[in-house]
N, C-alpha and C. Protein backbone atom coordinates (compact mmCIF):
# COMPACT_ATOMS: atom_id res chain seq x y z
N UNK A 1 7.21 -25.11 43.83
CA UNK A 1 8.55 -24.97 44.62
C UNK A 1 7.87 -25.98 45.89
N UNK A 2 8.86 -26.60 46.43
CA UNK A 2 8.65 -27.31 48.02
C UNK A 2 8.10 -26.04 49.02
N UNK A 3 7.39 -26.67 49.73
CA UNK A 3 6.97 -25.79 51.11
C UNK A 3 8.19 -25.62 52.47
N UNK A 4 8.64 -24.37 52.31
CA UNK A 4 9.65 -23.56 52.48
C UNK A 4 10.69 -23.60 52.13
N UNK A 5 10.98 -24.57 50.64
CA UNK A 5 12.26 -24.73 50.02
C UNK A 5 12.49 -23.37 49.23
N UNK A 6 13.57 -23.34 48.14
CA UNK A 6 13.65 -22.54 47.40
C UNK A 6 13.16 -22.49 45.70
N UNK A 7 13.09 -21.39 45.46
CA UNK A 7 12.46 -21.75 43.43
C UNK A 7 12.91 -22.72 42.76
N UNK A 8 12.79 -23.44 42.42
CA UNK A 8 13.35 -24.17 41.17
C UNK A 8 12.95 -23.82 39.94
N UNK A 9 13.70 -23.84 38.75
CA UNK A 9 13.82 -23.63 37.15
C UNK A 9 13.63 -25.13 36.42
N UNK A 10 12.53 -25.15 36.41
CA UNK A 10 12.38 -26.66 35.20
C UNK A 10 12.08 -26.14 34.08
N UNK A 11 12.51 -24.97 33.54
CA UNK A 11 12.64 -25.06 31.74
C UNK A 11 11.81 -25.20 30.85
N UNK A 12 10.73 -24.43 31.34
CA UNK A 12 9.72 -24.15 30.99
C UNK A 12 9.70 -22.82 30.80
N UNK A 13 8.83 -22.79 29.13
CA UNK A 13 8.77 -21.09 28.92
C UNK A 13 6.66 -21.38 28.26
N UNK A 14 6.63 -20.04 28.24
CA UNK A 14 5.27 -19.87 28.07
C UNK A 14 5.61 -19.53 25.97
N UNK A 15 4.39 -20.19 25.20
CA UNK A 15 4.30 -19.47 23.58
C UNK A 15 2.80 -19.04 23.45
N UNK A 16 3.21 -18.73 22.47
CA UNK A 16 1.97 -18.28 21.92
C UNK A 16 1.32 -19.52 21.02
N UNK A 17 0.51 -19.47 21.49
CA UNK A 17 -0.65 -20.48 20.10
C UNK A 17 -1.53 -19.74 19.91
N UNK A 18 -1.59 -19.60 18.60
CA UNK A 18 -2.31 -18.79 17.96
C UNK A 18 -2.02 -18.81 16.29
N UNK A 19 -3.60 -19.01 16.19
CA UNK A 19 -3.38 -18.69 14.37
C UNK A 19 -3.29 -17.32 13.79
N UNK A 20 -2.02 -17.33 13.06
CA UNK A 20 -2.49 -15.27 12.64
C UNK A 20 -2.44 -15.65 11.11
N UNK A 21 -2.74 -14.01 10.91
CA UNK A 21 -2.37 -13.95 9.05
C UNK A 21 -1.45 -13.06 8.71
N UNK A 22 -1.21 -13.05 7.62
CA UNK A 22 -0.52 -11.74 6.56
C UNK A 22 -1.07 -11.79 5.86
N UNK A 23 -1.50 -10.70 5.13
CA UNK A 23 -2.32 -10.56 3.67
C UNK A 23 -1.31 -9.23 2.88
N UNK A 24 -0.68 -9.55 1.93
CA UNK A 24 -0.66 -8.51 1.16
C UNK A 24 -0.62 -8.56 -0.36
N UNK A 25 -0.47 -7.89 -0.70
CA UNK A 25 0.45 -5.86 -0.49
C UNK A 25 -1.23 -5.40 0.63
N UNK A 26 -0.34 -4.63 0.98
CA UNK A 26 -2.05 -3.96 1.52
C UNK A 26 -2.96 -3.11 0.81
N UNK A 27 -2.29 -2.78 -0.34
CA UNK A 27 -2.80 -2.05 -1.25
C UNK A 27 -2.39 -2.46 -3.08
N UNK A 28 -3.42 -3.02 -4.09
CA UNK A 28 -2.86 -3.02 -5.10
C UNK A 28 -3.34 -1.69 -6.16
N UNK A 29 -2.20 -1.63 -7.06
CA UNK A 29 -2.55 -0.39 -7.95
C UNK A 29 -2.20 -1.13 -9.30
N UNK A 30 -3.26 -1.10 -10.09
CA UNK A 30 -3.63 -1.78 -11.20
C UNK A 30 -2.40 -1.09 -12.47
N UNK A 31 -2.37 0.37 -11.82
CA UNK A 31 -2.25 1.63 -12.35
C UNK A 31 -3.18 1.78 -13.27
N UNK A 32 -2.55 2.62 -14.81
CA UNK A 32 -3.74 3.13 -16.12
C UNK A 32 -3.74 1.73 -17.31
N UNK A 33 -5.85 1.38 -16.73
CA UNK A 33 -6.01 0.48 -18.12
C UNK A 33 -6.66 1.38 -18.72
N UNK A 34 -6.23 0.75 -20.23
CA UNK A 34 -7.52 1.66 -21.19
C UNK A 34 -8.56 0.73 -20.77
N UNK A 35 -9.89 1.80 -21.43
CA UNK A 35 -10.92 1.38 -21.35
C UNK A 35 -11.56 0.31 -21.99
N UNK A 36 -12.42 -0.83 -21.19
CA UNK A 36 -12.12 -1.84 -22.34
C UNK A 36 -11.54 -3.33 -22.24
N UNK A 37 -10.25 -2.93 -21.65
CA UNK A 37 -8.94 -4.08 -21.60
C UNK A 37 -8.88 -4.62 -20.16
N UNK A 38 -8.29 -5.77 -20.31
CA UNK A 38 -8.19 -6.19 -18.62
C UNK A 38 -7.25 -6.17 -18.74
N UNK A 39 -6.77 -5.77 -16.94
CA UNK A 39 -5.43 -5.49 -16.61
C UNK A 39 -4.66 -7.08 -16.13
N UNK A 40 -3.53 -6.79 -16.29
CA UNK A 40 -2.82 -7.76 -16.01
C UNK A 40 -3.39 -8.36 -14.56
N UNK A 41 -2.80 -10.06 -14.74
CA UNK A 41 -3.66 -9.61 -13.05
C UNK A 41 -2.43 -9.42 -11.93
N UNK A 42 -3.04 -8.60 -10.17
CA UNK A 42 -2.19 -8.73 -9.47
C UNK A 42 -2.77 -9.67 -8.31
N UNK A 43 -1.24 -10.15 -7.91
CA UNK A 43 -2.21 -11.61 -6.89
C UNK A 43 -2.13 -11.20 -5.10
N UNK A 44 -2.48 -11.46 -4.27
CA UNK A 44 -2.95 -11.01 -3.15
C UNK A 44 -2.41 -12.58 -2.20
N UNK A 45 -1.61 -12.15 -1.40
CA UNK A 45 -1.12 -14.02 -0.38
C UNK A 45 -1.59 -13.69 0.25
N UNK A 46 -2.21 -14.19 0.82
CA UNK A 46 -2.89 -14.80 2.63
C UNK A 46 -2.04 -15.95 2.52
N UNK A 47 -1.40 -16.07 4.13
CA UNK A 47 0.17 -16.75 4.45
C UNK A 47 -0.45 -16.52 5.85
N UNK A 48 -0.37 -17.83 6.16
CA UNK A 48 -0.72 -18.58 7.94
C UNK A 48 0.67 -18.10 8.35
N UNK A 49 0.68 -17.16 9.76
CA UNK A 49 2.09 -16.61 9.85
C UNK A 49 1.93 -17.16 11.90
N UNK A 50 1.05 -18.28 12.04
CA UNK A 50 0.91 -18.34 13.57
C UNK A 50 1.41 -19.63 13.53
N UNK A 51 1.05 -20.11 14.73
CA UNK A 51 1.62 -21.49 15.07
C UNK A 51 0.48 -22.92 15.44
N UNK A 52 -0.59 -22.42 15.08
CA UNK A 52 -1.38 -22.98 14.64
C UNK A 52 -2.11 -22.52 13.12
N UNK A 53 -2.81 -23.45 12.67
CA UNK A 53 -4.04 -23.85 11.32
C UNK A 53 -4.84 -22.81 11.45
N UNK A 54 -4.93 -21.78 9.96
CA UNK A 54 -5.54 -20.41 9.47
C UNK A 54 -6.72 -21.14 9.06
N UNK A 55 -7.95 -20.91 9.56
CA UNK A 55 -9.44 -21.03 9.26
C UNK A 55 -9.92 -19.60 8.57
N UNK A 56 -9.13 -19.92 6.86
CA UNK A 56 -9.52 -18.97 6.43
C UNK A 56 -11.55 -18.66 5.47
N UNK A 57 -12.14 -17.76 5.87
CA UNK A 57 -13.98 -18.46 6.22
C UNK A 57 -14.84 -17.37 4.41
N UNK A 58 -13.93 -16.47 4.32
CA UNK A 58 -14.36 -15.85 3.12
C UNK A 58 -13.09 -14.81 2.27
N UNK A 59 -13.23 -14.98 0.76
CA UNK A 59 -12.88 -13.93 0.39
C UNK A 59 -13.88 -13.40 -0.76
N UNK A 60 -14.24 -11.59 -0.51
CA UNK A 60 -14.67 -11.56 -0.66
C UNK A 60 -15.00 -10.51 -2.15
N UNK A 61 -15.88 -10.72 -2.93
CA UNK A 61 -15.63 -10.90 -4.39
C UNK A 61 -15.94 -8.71 -4.36
N UNK A 62 -14.76 -8.44 -5.06
CA UNK A 62 -14.72 -6.54 -5.42
C UNK A 62 -16.51 -6.48 -6.12
N UNK A 63 -16.59 -4.86 -6.07
CA UNK A 63 -16.90 -4.63 -6.84
C UNK A 63 -16.24 -4.17 -8.25
N UNK A 64 -16.77 -3.99 -9.30
CA UNK A 64 -16.96 -4.30 -10.37
C UNK A 64 -16.39 -3.02 -10.54
N UNK A 65 -15.14 -2.39 -11.22
CA UNK A 65 -15.17 -2.94 -11.95
C UNK A 65 -13.18 -3.82 -12.32
N UNK A 66 -13.36 -4.46 -10.46
CA UNK A 66 -12.36 -5.16 -9.94
C UNK A 66 -12.90 -6.66 -10.13
N UNK A 67 -12.19 -7.43 -10.45
CA UNK A 67 -12.59 -9.08 -10.09
C UNK A 67 -11.72 -10.22 -9.25
N UNK A 68 -12.43 -10.98 -8.69
CA UNK A 68 -11.50 -11.79 -8.70
C UNK A 68 -11.14 -13.16 -9.36
N UNK A 69 -10.19 -13.16 -10.30
CA UNK A 69 -9.75 -14.33 -11.41
C UNK A 69 -9.09 -15.66 -11.26
N UNK A 70 -9.55 -15.47 -10.13
CA UNK A 70 -7.88 -16.65 -9.48
C UNK A 70 -7.24 -17.00 -9.16
N UNK A 71 -5.84 -17.49 -8.63
CA UNK A 71 -4.72 -18.15 -7.90
C UNK A 71 -4.85 -19.15 -7.39
N UNK A 72 -4.54 -19.72 -6.39
CA UNK A 72 -4.09 -20.99 -6.08
C UNK A 72 -5.10 -20.38 -4.46
N UNK A 73 -5.56 -19.83 -3.99
CA UNK A 73 -6.20 -20.82 -2.90
C UNK A 73 -7.70 -20.93 -3.30
N UNK A 74 -8.16 -22.24 -2.27
CA UNK A 74 -9.36 -23.11 -2.76
C UNK A 74 -10.07 -21.77 -2.56
N UNK A 75 -11.49 -22.48 -2.76
CA UNK A 75 -12.80 -21.96 -2.24
C UNK A 75 -12.84 -22.00 -1.29
N UNK A 76 -13.06 -20.75 -0.30
CA UNK A 76 -13.56 -20.60 1.37
C UNK A 76 -14.77 -21.52 1.58
N UNK A 77 -14.73 -22.17 2.23
CA UNK A 77 -13.44 -22.27 3.93
C UNK A 77 -12.88 -23.21 3.06
N UNK A 78 -11.15 -22.47 3.92
CA UNK A 78 -10.48 -23.46 4.05
C UNK A 78 -9.04 -23.18 4.52
N UNK A 79 -8.53 -23.66 4.76
CA UNK A 79 -7.79 -24.22 6.23
C UNK A 79 -5.92 -24.31 5.45
N UNK A 80 -5.27 -22.98 6.46
CA UNK A 80 -3.95 -22.80 5.44
C UNK A 80 -3.31 -23.58 7.10
N UNK A 81 -2.34 -24.66 6.67
CA UNK A 81 -1.61 -24.97 8.24
C UNK A 81 -0.01 -23.89 8.33
N UNK A 82 -0.27 -23.86 9.39
CA UNK A 82 0.94 -22.89 9.69
C UNK A 82 2.11 -22.65 8.74
N UNK A 83 2.63 -21.54 8.11
CA UNK A 83 3.88 -21.24 7.57
C UNK A 83 3.43 -21.54 6.20
N UNK A 84 1.88 -22.06 5.58
CA UNK A 84 1.51 -21.92 4.07
C UNK A 84 0.94 -20.75 3.86
N UNK A 85 0.79 -20.76 2.55
CA UNK A 85 -0.03 -19.49 1.75
C UNK A 85 -0.36 -20.22 0.62
N UNK A 86 -1.54 -18.91 0.34
CA UNK A 86 -1.92 -19.52 -1.29
C UNK A 86 -1.98 -17.81 -1.91
N UNK A 87 -2.42 -17.64 -3.30
CA UNK A 87 -2.42 -16.20 -3.89
C UNK A 87 -4.32 -16.53 -4.26
N UNK A 88 -4.52 -15.33 -4.37
CA UNK A 88 -6.09 -14.83 -5.27
C UNK A 88 -5.21 -13.52 -6.35
N UNK A 89 -5.69 -14.23 -7.14
CA UNK A 89 -5.58 -13.06 -7.98
C UNK A 89 -6.72 -11.94 -9.10
N UNK A 90 -6.05 -11.16 -8.77
CA UNK A 90 -7.49 -9.90 -9.38
C UNK A 90 -7.01 -9.50 -10.61
N UNK A 91 -8.01 -9.01 -11.18
CA UNK A 91 -7.98 -7.63 -12.47
C UNK A 91 -8.79 -6.99 -12.48
N UNK A 92 -8.21 -5.93 -13.19
CA UNK A 92 -9.24 -4.47 -13.15
C UNK A 92 -10.07 -4.66 -14.37
N UNK A 93 -11.11 -4.18 -15.10
CA UNK A 93 -11.22 -4.76 -15.96
C UNK A 93 -11.73 -2.82 -16.10
N UNK A 94 -11.88 -1.74 -16.98
CA UNK A 94 -12.96 -0.57 -16.44
C UNK A 94 -13.19 -0.10 -17.89
N UNK A 95 -14.45 0.23 -17.78
CA UNK A 95 -15.59 0.69 -19.20
C UNK A 95 -15.59 1.92 -19.52
N UNK A 96 -14.66 2.79 -18.42
CA UNK A 96 -14.20 4.08 -18.91
C UNK A 96 -13.04 4.59 -18.30
N UNK A 97 -12.13 5.45 -18.49
CA UNK A 97 -10.83 5.60 -17.83
C UNK A 97 -11.16 6.76 -16.08
N UNK A 98 -12.43 7.25 -15.84
CA UNK A 98 -12.39 7.06 -14.44
C UNK A 98 -11.50 6.71 -13.45
N UNK A 99 -11.18 7.38 -13.11
CA UNK A 99 -10.37 6.15 -11.67
C UNK A 99 -11.17 5.32 -10.51
N UNK A 100 -10.82 4.61 -10.40
CA UNK A 100 -11.69 3.99 -9.91
C UNK A 100 -10.88 3.20 -8.22
N UNK A 101 -11.62 3.72 -6.92
CA UNK A 101 -10.84 2.55 -5.70
C UNK A 101 -12.06 2.03 -5.01
N UNK A 102 -11.20 0.63 -5.56
CA UNK A 102 -12.18 -0.60 -4.74
C UNK A 102 -11.65 -0.70 -3.18
N UNK A 103 -11.81 -2.12 -2.76
CA UNK A 103 -11.49 -2.97 -1.84
C UNK A 103 -11.85 -4.96 -1.96
N UNK A 104 -10.71 -6.10 -1.22
CA UNK A 104 -11.64 -6.74 -1.33
C UNK A 104 -11.38 -7.12 0.25
N UNK A 105 -12.15 -7.78 0.98
CA UNK A 105 -11.37 -8.68 2.20
C UNK A 105 -11.19 -9.76 2.06
N UNK A 106 -10.55 -10.09 2.89
CA UNK A 106 -10.55 -11.61 3.62
C UNK A 106 -10.81 -11.59 4.87
N UNK A 107 -11.90 -12.88 5.19
CA UNK A 107 -12.78 -13.02 6.56
C UNK A 107 -11.77 -14.22 6.68
N UNK A 108 -10.72 -13.88 8.78
CA UNK A 108 -10.10 -16.15 8.70
C UNK A 108 -10.81 -15.93 10.27
N UNK A 109 -10.83 -17.07 10.72
CA UNK A 109 -11.48 -17.09 12.31
C UNK A 109 -10.32 -17.37 13.18
N UNK A 110 -9.71 -15.30 13.90
CA UNK A 110 -8.96 -14.98 14.34
C UNK A 110 -9.69 -13.80 15.70
N UNK A 111 -9.04 -13.60 17.05
CA UNK A 111 -9.17 -13.02 17.48
C UNK A 111 -9.30 -11.31 17.51
N UNK A 112 -8.31 -11.23 15.86
CA UNK A 112 -8.52 -9.62 15.76
C UNK A 112 -9.15 -9.76 14.07
N UNK A 113 -9.82 -8.18 13.94
CA UNK A 113 -10.73 -8.29 11.88
C UNK A 113 -9.33 -8.30 11.14
N UNK A 114 -9.35 -8.55 10.12
CA UNK A 114 -8.49 -8.10 9.15
C UNK A 114 -9.40 -6.79 8.65
N UNK A 115 -8.33 -5.68 8.14
CA UNK A 115 -8.99 -4.87 7.57
C UNK A 115 -9.18 -5.57 5.67
N UNK A 116 -9.63 -4.12 5.18
CA UNK A 116 -10.22 -4.60 3.68
C UNK A 116 -8.31 -4.20 2.73
N UNK A 117 -8.07 -4.74 2.09
CA UNK A 117 -7.28 -4.08 1.24
C UNK A 117 -7.46 -3.75 -0.08
N UNK A 118 -7.24 -2.35 -0.24
CA UNK A 118 -7.77 -1.66 -1.06
C UNK A 118 -6.87 -1.28 -2.52
N UNK A 119 -7.68 -1.67 -3.56
CA UNK A 119 -7.56 -1.47 -4.76
C UNK A 119 -7.67 -0.40 -5.65
N UNK A 120 -7.11 0.32 -6.05
CA UNK A 120 -6.49 0.93 -7.03
C UNK A 120 -6.68 0.74 -8.93
N UNK A 121 -7.34 1.46 -9.37
CA UNK A 121 -7.54 1.75 -10.71
C UNK A 121 -7.26 2.65 -11.45
N UNK A 122 -6.56 2.96 -12.46
CA UNK A 122 -6.89 4.11 -13.09
C UNK A 122 -6.45 5.30 -12.36
N UNK A 123 -5.95 5.12 -10.92
CA UNK A 123 -5.80 6.35 -10.02
C UNK A 123 -4.70 6.67 -10.31
N UNK A 124 -4.06 8.07 -10.40
CA UNK A 124 -3.03 8.31 -10.82
C UNK A 124 -2.60 9.39 -9.56
N UNK A 125 -1.32 9.90 -10.11
CA UNK A 125 -0.77 11.37 -8.32
C UNK A 125 -0.84 12.08 -9.63
N UNK A 126 -0.13 13.24 -8.97
CA UNK A 126 -0.22 14.17 -9.15
C UNK A 126 1.93 14.62 -9.66
N UNK A 127 2.38 15.06 -10.28
CA UNK A 127 3.18 15.02 -10.38
C UNK A 127 4.20 16.22 -10.71
N UNK A 128 5.35 16.78 -9.43
CA UNK A 128 5.02 18.04 -9.71
C UNK A 128 5.88 18.50 -10.60
N UNK A 129 6.16 19.68 -10.58
CA UNK A 129 7.37 19.99 -11.72
C UNK A 129 7.68 21.49 -11.86
N UNK A 130 8.72 21.98 -11.39
CA UNK A 130 9.34 22.57 -11.24
C UNK A 130 10.38 23.34 -12.53
N UNK A 131 9.79 24.56 -13.50
CA UNK A 131 10.36 25.56 -14.84
C UNK A 131 10.96 26.42 -14.21
N UNK A 132 12.07 26.70 -13.94
CA UNK A 132 13.80 25.87 -14.60
C UNK A 132 13.74 25.45 -13.15
N UNK A 133 14.13 23.96 -13.21
CA UNK A 133 14.72 23.20 -11.56
C UNK A 133 15.82 24.04 -10.90
N UNK A 134 15.73 24.66 -11.42
CA UNK A 134 17.45 25.69 -10.95
C UNK A 134 17.75 27.10 -11.15
N UNK A 135 17.98 28.28 -10.16
CA UNK A 135 17.34 29.20 -10.61
C UNK A 135 18.89 30.33 -10.54
N UNK A 136 19.36 30.42 -11.38
CA UNK A 136 20.46 31.80 -11.46
C UNK A 136 21.08 32.73 -11.88
N UNK A 137 20.77 33.73 -10.78
CA UNK A 137 20.97 35.08 -10.29
C UNK A 137 22.12 35.92 -11.04
N UNK A 138 23.25 34.61 -11.59
CA UNK A 138 24.59 35.36 -11.77
C UNK A 138 24.76 36.55 -10.88
N UNK A 139 26.29 37.31 -10.71
CA UNK A 139 26.94 38.20 -10.31
C UNK A 139 25.70 39.19 -9.51
N UNK A 140 25.71 39.33 -8.71
CA UNK A 140 24.81 40.74 -8.17
C UNK A 140 25.79 41.25 -7.43
N UNK A 141 26.15 42.59 -7.14
CA UNK A 141 26.55 43.09 -6.13
C UNK A 141 25.90 43.49 -5.00
N UNK A 142 26.73 42.99 -4.05
CA UNK A 142 26.19 43.35 -2.60
C UNK A 142 25.76 44.90 -2.74
N UNK A 143 24.56 44.73 -2.46
CA UNK A 143 23.23 45.76 -1.52
C UNK A 143 22.26 46.11 -3.41
N UNK A 144 22.26 45.74 -3.77
CA UNK A 144 21.63 45.58 -5.38
C UNK A 144 20.75 44.77 -5.92
N UNK A 145 19.83 45.14 -5.78
CA UNK A 145 18.66 43.72 -5.81
C UNK A 145 18.75 42.79 -7.56
N UNK A 146 19.00 41.73 -7.28
CA UNK A 146 18.99 40.87 -8.11
C UNK A 146 17.83 41.33 -9.39
N UNK A 147 17.60 40.80 -10.18
CA UNK A 147 16.61 41.07 -12.07
C UNK A 147 15.65 39.66 -11.34
N UNK A 148 14.19 40.12 -11.37
CA UNK A 148 13.20 38.77 -10.94
C UNK A 148 13.28 37.71 -12.08
N UNK A 149 13.06 36.81 -11.26
CA UNK A 149 13.18 35.53 -12.00
C UNK A 149 12.03 35.01 -11.80
N UNK A 150 11.62 34.25 -12.75
CA UNK A 150 10.10 33.34 -12.47
C UNK A 150 10.33 31.39 -12.80
N UNK A 151 9.46 31.15 -11.86
CA UNK A 151 9.80 30.15 -11.43
C UNK A 151 8.76 29.10 -12.05
N UNK A 152 7.77 28.30 -13.00
CA UNK A 152 6.96 28.33 -13.10
C UNK A 152 6.69 26.81 -12.22
N UNK A 153 5.90 26.40 -10.80
CA UNK A 153 5.44 25.40 -10.55
C UNK A 153 4.05 24.67 -11.43
N UNK A 154 3.91 23.22 -12.15
CA UNK A 154 3.04 22.49 -13.07
C UNK A 154 2.87 21.39 -12.28
N UNK A 155 1.59 20.71 -12.41
CA UNK A 155 1.24 19.69 -12.48
C UNK A 155 1.23 18.86 -13.66
N UNK A 156 2.47 17.79 -13.94
CA UNK A 156 2.15 17.38 -15.18
C UNK A 156 1.48 15.67 -14.57
N UNK A 157 1.13 15.45 -13.85
CA UNK A 157 -0.14 14.23 -13.35
C UNK A 157 -1.35 14.16 -13.60
N UNK A 158 -2.34 13.62 -13.39
CA UNK A 158 -3.86 13.51 -13.92
C UNK A 158 -4.35 13.56 -12.66
N UNK A 159 -4.10 14.10 -11.16
CA UNK A 159 -4.94 14.36 -10.66
C UNK A 159 -4.14 15.53 -9.12
N UNK A 160 -5.23 16.37 -8.68
CA UNK A 160 -4.83 16.90 -8.18
C UNK A 160 -3.95 17.66 -7.60
N UNK A 161 -2.93 18.69 -7.44
CA UNK A 161 -1.35 18.71 -6.89
C UNK A 161 -2.24 19.77 -5.22
N UNK A 162 -1.71 19.02 -4.65
CA UNK A 162 -2.24 20.11 -3.37
C UNK A 162 -0.39 21.00 -2.80
N UNK A 163 -0.40 21.97 -2.91
CA UNK A 163 0.48 22.63 -2.56
C UNK A 163 0.83 23.08 -1.03
N UNK A 164 1.62 22.49 0.02
CA UNK A 164 1.24 23.04 1.58
C UNK A 164 2.64 24.13 1.74
N UNK A 165 3.80 24.08 1.28
CA UNK A 165 4.52 25.11 1.38
C UNK A 165 5.76 24.95 0.18
N UNK A 166 6.27 26.39 -0.04
CA UNK A 166 7.27 25.79 -1.37
C UNK A 166 8.43 26.45 -0.60
N UNK A 167 9.18 25.98 -0.10
CA UNK A 167 11.03 26.51 0.33
C UNK A 167 12.47 25.98 -0.72
N UNK A 168 12.82 27.34 0.02
CA UNK A 168 14.14 27.23 -1.04
C UNK A 168 14.92 26.88 -0.13
N UNK A 169 15.98 26.00 -0.71
CA UNK A 169 17.46 25.42 -0.11
C UNK A 169 18.58 25.86 -1.29
N UNK A 170 19.41 25.64 -0.73
CA UNK A 170 20.80 25.61 -0.83
C UNK A 170 21.55 26.81 -0.07
N UNK A 171 23.19 26.22 -0.41
CA UNK A 171 24.08 26.98 0.22
C UNK A 171 23.28 28.42 0.82
N UNK A 172 22.81 29.22 -0.48
CA UNK A 172 22.90 30.48 0.18
C UNK A 172 21.39 31.21 0.57
N UNK A 173 20.49 29.50 1.01
CA UNK A 173 19.19 30.10 0.77
C UNK A 173 19.04 31.44 2.15
N UNK A 174 19.05 31.36 3.25
CA UNK A 174 19.10 32.19 3.65
C UNK A 174 19.28 33.40 3.09
N UNK A 175 20.16 34.05 2.43
CA UNK A 175 19.99 35.48 1.56
C UNK A 175 18.52 35.76 0.76
N UNK A 176 17.54 34.30 1.10
CA UNK A 176 16.29 35.12 -0.21
C UNK A 176 15.62 34.94 1.09
């Protein structure tokens, strides 16, 4: 601005100039795979989301029974131009039915560190099942206790079910 004059706007603005990355998904779940069989490939996508090229330094081979098996990413180190992406194919090859959790890491020349991508194989979840799903107490005279009804909470999954609370719901929940 001129000395003693007013400020003037020259129409310039600042824009961040940096390499950025998106790695997705953050978790790869192979589901159940029969021991000795090979899972279908699951793809990990590495995307250059900044406005400078992304330098990918390494893609770590996960520990067995997980493995990288291709994709279209070149062997590291390599560069992805802004807006470009590539994929890494991963597979799960279990030797038994034990649930497995692993990780694969991608290292890039960035100001921030990338976290590891979690890999799950034969990791199942609890499946809560209430039997019966609804309880009908029928007509109960005012002031009389209803007959006892039993509901059973079961787990049809093959992973431990943790119950933190049970709640009665419905239009007359406050009556219980």
